[in-house]
Amino acid sequence: MINSGMKFRQTLPESRRVVVKIGSRVIVRKTGRPDTARIRALVEQVASLRRDGYEVVIVSSGAIAAGMEALAITKRPTAVPDLQMCAAVGQGRLMACYSDFFAKRKLVTGQILLTHADFDSKIRLANMRRTMDHILARGVVPIINENDAVADEEVKADLSFGDNDNLASLVTRQIRADLLIILSTVDGLRSFSENGASRRIPFVESINKKILQLVRAPDAGGLSKGGMDSKLKAASVCMKAGCNVVIADGKRKDVLTRAVAGGDEGTLFMGSPE
């Protein structure tokens, strides 16, 4: 069922723990160079949310793309060693941007790199939850990414987290966040007419066959891996855990603060625990 959902958005400001997933194309230019102006704008919004008492966790893509730019690689590699090399070079560049901008707002960042093995082990999961709780209690902003540089399974297409969409959903569920905001370059899920025109779907109560049929394949050869398909899968995981999800355009002005405040941003997927 699809409707405007504005009455449900009124509950979003009540969220206490928010996970923000930032896609590569939101913060990386076509050349692969980090878009510092966009990163700064997002950091300002996260800092504002922290001042308002929200706990914010960032799951950020962009390391491989940043590494590509530094190494003068114009097309995303397909070989695992090349992807690992780009990740190793780019992760530090990406974290430097975040750390510098947050420091100017008197906030400390912490880097957490995760792999599939961390979610397959009860001990590692417990350690991750404990670390996250401690970090958030101290007011630190954790920045999470895949550990691409050492775990080759993370960058293989068949086992990939999916441009961090799946990773964000797993983190959201494990730390019991109230809201996941997935920032992309589209303003949510869209339906297309026969003449190619599209409209934004503001609210989705359940992800069913009709909703899945709206998905279009992502562009090939780009800097990012994920498309709407991976985002819907991530949303489905979180909805079943009772967490709300918003998929929105990360390049829109004040998109984070507006989404958390219950504004009409992107598509809201309403959590409904099974």
Protein backbone atom coordinates (compact mmCIF):
# COMPACT_ATOMS: atom_id res chain seq x y z
CA MET A 1 0.00 0.00 0.00
CA ILE A 2 1.29 3.48 -0.90
CA ASN A 3 0.08 6.84 0.42
CA SER A 4 1.42 10.21 1.48
CA GLY A 5 2.49 8.98 4.93
CA MET A 6 2.89 12.44 6.43
CA LYS A 7 1.25 11.35 9.67
CA PHE A 8 3.91 8.65 10.03
CA ARG A 9 6.72 11.12 9.36
CA GLN A 10 5.60 12.96 12.48
CA THR A 11 7.15 10.13 14.52
CA LEU A 12 10.63 10.48 12.96
CA PRO A 13 11.79 13.31 15.29
CA GLU A 14 11.31 10.84 18.16
CA SER A 15 14.21 8.74 16.83
CA ARG A 16 17.18 8.73 19.16
CA ARG A 17 19.77 6.68 17.29
CA VAL A 18 20.14 7.41 13.56
CA VAL A 19 22.29 5.64 10.97
CA VAL A 20 23.16 7.69 7.87
CA LYS A 21 24.40 5.78 4.83
CA ILE A 22 26.18 8.02 2.32
CA GLY A 23 26.58 6.70 -1.22
CA SER A 24 29.69 7.23 -3.32
CA ARG A 25 28.01 9.45 -5.86
CA VAL A 26 26.80 11.80 -3.13
CA ILE A 27 30.28 12.75 -1.92
CA VAL A 28 32.57 11.86 -4.84
CA ARG A 29 32.89 13.85 -8.05
CA LYS A 30 32.93 12.15 -11.45
CA THR A 31 36.73 12.28 -11.39
CA GLY A 32 36.75 10.29 -8.15
CA ARG A 33 37.94 13.26 -6.11
CA PRO A 34 36.04 13.68 -2.81
CA ASP A 35 33.48 16.49 -3.05
CA THR A 36 34.62 18.47 -0.02
CA ALA A 37 31.79 20.98 -0.26
CA ARG A 38 29.20 18.18 -0.10
CA ILE A 39 31.02 16.41 2.74
CA ARG A 40 31.19 19.69 4.66
CA ALA A 41 27.44 20.24 4.21
CA LEU A 42 26.62 16.76 5.47
CA VAL A 43 29.00 17.13 8.41
CA GLU A 44 27.28 20.38 9.40
CA GLN A 45 23.92 18.61 9.42
CA VAL A 46 25.24 15.70 11.48
CA ALA A 47 26.79 18.15 13.93
CA SER A 48 23.43 19.92 14.22
CA LEU A 49 21.70 16.62 14.95
CA ARG A 50 24.30 15.80 17.62
CA ARG A 51 23.67 19.16 19.29
CA ASP A 52 19.98 18.32 19.33
CA GLY A 53 20.70 15.11 21.22
CA TYR A 54 20.62 12.53 18.43
CA GLU A 55 23.18 9.73 18.29
CA VAL A 56 24.41 9.58 14.69
CA VAL A 57 26.34 6.78 13.00
CA ILE A 58 27.73 7.29 9.48
CA VAL A 59 28.19 4.45 7.01
CA SER A 60 30.16 6.02 4.19
CA SER A 61 31.07 4.77 0.75
CA GLY A 62 33.66 6.53 -1.37
CA ALA A 63 37.02 5.01 -0.36
CA ILE A 64 37.56 3.06 -3.58
CA ALA A 65 36.49 6.04 -5.68
CA ALA A 66 38.84 8.36 -3.79
CA GLY A 67 41.66 5.90 -4.28
CA MET A 68 40.92 5.72 -8.01
CA GLU A 69 41.35 9.49 -8.27
CA ALA A 70 44.62 9.44 -6.35
CA LEU A 71 45.97 6.68 -8.58
CA ALA A 72 44.69 8.30 -11.80
CA ILE A 73 42.39 5.32 -12.53
CA THR A 74 39.41 6.50 -14.59
CA LYS A 75 37.30 3.32 -14.67
CA ARG A 76 36.30 1.26 -11.64
CA PRO A 77 38.57 -1.83 -11.58
CA THR A 78 37.11 -5.33 -11.68
CA ALA A 79 40.10 -7.25 -10.30
CA VAL A 80 40.00 -7.71 -6.52
CA PRO A 81 43.66 -6.70 -5.91
CA ASP A 82 43.11 -3.45 -7.80
CA LEU A 83 39.97 -2.69 -5.78
CA GLN A 84 41.83 -3.43 -2.55
CA MET A 85 44.66 -1.12 -3.61
CA CYS A 86 42.20 1.70 -4.35
CA ALA A 87 40.47 1.16 -1.01
CA ALA A 88 43.75 1.24 0.90
CA VAL A 89 44.76 4.51 -0.76
CA GLY A 90 41.33 6.14 -0.64
CA GLN A 91 40.16 5.27 2.88
CA GLY A 92 42.69 7.56 4.54
CA ARG A 93 41.85 10.42 2.17
CA LEU A 94 38.15 10.05 2.88
CA MET A 95 38.59 9.84 6.65
CA ALA A 96 40.85 12.90 6.59
CA CYS A 97 38.02 14.94 5.08
CA TYR A 98 35.52 13.78 7.68
CA SER A 99 37.92 14.19 10.60
CA ASP A 100 38.95 17.71 9.61
CA PHE A 101 35.40 18.96 9.10
CA PHE A 102 34.06 17.39 12.30
CA ALA A 103 37.03 18.73 14.30
CA LYS A 104 36.09 22.26 13.23
CA ARG A 105 32.73 21.60 14.88
CA LYS A 106 34.41 20.24 18.00
CA LEU A 107 33.40 16.66 17.31
CA VAL A 108 35.68 13.64 17.31
CA THR A 109 35.33 10.86 14.73
CA GLY A 110 36.12 7.17 15.06
CA GLN A 111 36.77 4.80 12.16
CA ILE A 112 35.26 1.30 12.16
CA LEU A 113 35.98 -1.12 9.30
CA LEU A 114 33.76 -4.22 9.12
CA THR A 115 33.57 -7.45 7.13
CA HIS A 116 31.03 -10.25 6.74
CA ALA A 117 32.95 -12.24 9.35
CA ASP A 118 32.08 -9.62 11.98
CA PHE A 119 28.38 -10.36 11.49
CA ASP A 120 28.86 -14.13 11.37
CA SER A 121 30.50 -14.29 14.78
CA LYS A 122 28.49 -13.78 17.99
CA ILE A 123 31.63 -12.67 19.81
CA ARG A 124 32.54 -10.08 17.18
CA LEU A 125 28.96 -8.83 17.08
CA ALA A 126 28.93 -8.40 20.84
CA ASN A 127 32.26 -6.55 20.67
CA MET A 128 30.98 -4.30 17.89
CA ARG A 129 27.80 -3.42 19.79
CA ARG A 130 29.73 -2.70 22.97
CA THR A 131 32.25 -0.52 21.14
CA MET A 132 29.49 1.37 19.33
CA ASP A 133 27.57 2.02 22.54
CA HIS A 134 30.72 3.29 24.23
CA ILE A 135 31.67 5.51 21.29
CA LEU A 136 28.21 7.05 21.07
CA ALA A 137 28.03 7.59 24.82
CA ARG A 138 31.22 9.68 24.59
CA GLY A 139 29.75 11.83 21.82
CA VAL A 140 32.07 10.46 19.14
CA VAL A 141 30.76 10.19 15.57
CA PRO A 142 31.59 6.68 14.26
CA ILE A 143 32.30 6.41 10.53
CA ILE A 144 31.89 2.88 9.19
CA ASN A 145 32.99 1.34 5.91
CA GLU A 146 33.72 -2.07 4.46
CA ASN A 147 37.20 -3.38 5.17
CA ASP A 148 37.88 -3.72 1.44
CA ALA A 149 41.65 -3.51 1.71
CA VAL A 150 42.05 -6.88 3.47
CA ALA A 151 38.84 -8.86 2.92
CA ASP A 152 38.53 -9.87 -0.71
CA GLU A 153 35.02 -11.26 -0.27
CA GLU A 154 33.73 -7.75 0.35
CA VAL A 155 34.60 -6.49 -3.12
CA LYS A 156 33.47 -9.52 -5.11
CA ALA A 157 30.14 -8.89 -6.79
CA ASP A 158 28.40 -12.00 -5.48
CA LEU A 159 29.25 -11.41 -1.84
CA SER A 160 29.50 -7.63 -1.72
CA PHE A 161 27.62 -5.60 0.86
CA GLY A 162 26.15 -3.77 -2.16
CA ASP A 163 27.70 -0.30 -2.04
CA ASN A 164 27.28 -0.37 1.75
CA ASP A 165 23.46 -0.52 1.63
CA ASN A 166 23.42 -3.99 3.15
CA LEU A 167 26.18 -3.07 5.57
CA ALA A 168 24.14 -0.09 6.75
CA SER A 169 21.08 -2.29 7.31
CA LEU A 170 23.11 -4.84 9.30
CA VAL A 171 24.64 -2.12 11.46
CA THR A 172 21.24 -0.50 11.97
CA ARG A 173 19.72 -3.75 13.17
CA GLN A 174 22.62 -4.73 15.41
CA ILE A 175 22.88 -1.40 17.24
CA ARG A 176 19.08 -1.12 17.46
CA ALA A 177 18.87 2.22 15.67
CA ASP A 178 15.48 3.88 15.26
CA LEU A 179 16.04 5.35 11.81
CA LEU A 180 18.18 4.58 8.77
CA ILE A 181 18.63 7.35 6.19
CA ILE A 182 20.08 6.18 2.88
CA LEU A 183 21.45 9.10 0.90
CA SER A 184 21.67 8.56 -2.84
CA THR A 185 21.44 10.76 -5.94
CA VAL A 186 17.71 10.15 -6.39
CA ASP A 187 14.95 11.53 -4.19
CA GLY A 188 13.57 8.16 -3.20
CA LEU A 189 11.72 5.36 -4.97
CA ARG A 190 10.05 6.45 -8.20
CA SER A 191 7.31 5.04 -10.42
CA PHE A 192 7.59 5.43 -14.18
CA SER A 193 4.84 5.93 -16.73
CA GLU A 194 4.89 4.55 -20.27
CA ASN A 195 6.18 7.85 -21.67
CA GLY A 196 9.17 7.80 -19.29
CA ALA A 197 7.87 10.40 -16.85
CA SER A 198 8.35 9.56 -13.19
CA ARG A 199 6.99 10.55 -9.82
CA ARG A 200 8.35 10.12 -6.33
CA ILE A 201 6.61 7.64 -4.05
CA PRO A 202 6.56 9.37 -0.65
CA PHE A 203 5.60 6.41 1.52
CA VAL A 204 5.77 2.61 1.40
CA GLU A 205 4.16 0.40 4.03
CA SER A 206 5.47 -2.92 2.73
CA ILE A 207 7.98 -4.04 0.11
CA ASN A 208 6.02 -6.40 -2.10
CA LYS A 209 6.20 -7.62 -5.69
CA LYS A 210 4.56 -4.44 -6.98
CA ILE A 211 7.18 -2.28 -5.30
CA LEU A 212 10.08 -4.45 -6.51
CA GLN A 213 8.86 -4.13 -10.10
CA LEU A 214 9.60 -0.40 -9.94
CA VAL A 215 13.33 -1.03 -9.70
CA ARG A 216 15.53 -0.08 -12.64
CA ALA A 217 19.04 -1.43 -13.15
CA PRO A 218 21.88 0.87 -12.00
CA ASP A 219 24.18 2.49 -14.55
CA ALA A 220 27.11 0.30 -15.55
CA GLY A 221 30.72 1.39 -15.19
CA GLY A 222 30.06 4.02 -12.56
CA LEU A 223 31.85 4.76 -9.31
CA SER A 224 29.26 3.02 -7.13
CA LYS A 225 27.92 -0.55 -7.05
CA GLY A 226 24.51 -0.26 -5.45
CA GLY A 227 21.20 0.61 -7.06
CA MET A 228 17.61 0.86 -5.86
CA ASP A 229 17.47 -2.93 -5.62
CA SER A 230 20.10 -3.05 -2.88
CA LYS A 231 18.44 -0.14 -1.11
CA LEU A 232 15.07 -1.90 -1.04
CA LYS A 233 16.71 -5.02 0.36
CA ALA A 234 18.33 -2.93 3.07
CA ALA A 235 15.03 -1.20 3.81
CA SER A 236 13.24 -4.55 4.06
CA VAL A 237 15.71 -5.85 6.66
CA CYS A 238 15.29 -2.74 8.80
CA MET A 239 11.49 -2.58 8.45
CA LYS A 240 11.20 -6.14 9.76
CA ALA A 241 13.26 -5.09 12.77
CA GLY A 242 10.88 -2.19 13.45
CA CYS A 243 13.21 0.52 12.13
CA ASN A 244 12.04 3.32 9.83
CA VAL A 245 14.01 3.96 6.64
CA VAL A 246 14.20 7.04 4.44
CA ILE A 247 15.81 6.92 0.99
CA ALA A 248 16.53 10.48 -0.13
CA ASP A 249 18.66 12.69 -2.37
CA GLY A 250 21.89 13.37 -0.52
CA LYS A 251 22.60 16.47 -2.60
CA ARG A 252 19.47 18.31 -1.53
CA LYS A 253 20.01 21.19 0.88
CA ASP A 254 19.51 20.22 4.54
CA VAL A 255 18.21 16.78 3.54
CA LEU A 256 19.34 15.13 6.79
CA THR A 257 17.91 17.66 9.19
CA ARG A 258 14.67 17.82 7.23
CA ALA A 259 14.31 14.04 7.08
CA VAL A 260 14.85 13.58 10.82
CA ALA A 261 12.45 16.46 11.51
CA GLY A 262 9.73 14.60 9.58
CA GLY A 263 9.89 16.69 6.42
CA ASP A 264 8.66 15.40 3.07
CA GLU A 265 12.05 14.12 1.90
CA GLY A 266 12.51 11.06 -0.27
CA THR A 267 10.58 7.86 0.37
CA LEU A 268 9.70 6.73 3.88
CA PHE A 269 9.61 2.97 4.53
CA MET A 270 7.67 2.40 7.73
CA GLY A 271 9.09 -0.10 10.20
CA SER A 272 6.72 -2.86 11.25
CA PRO A 273 8.34 -5.61 13.33
CA GLU A 274 7.29 -9.15 12.51
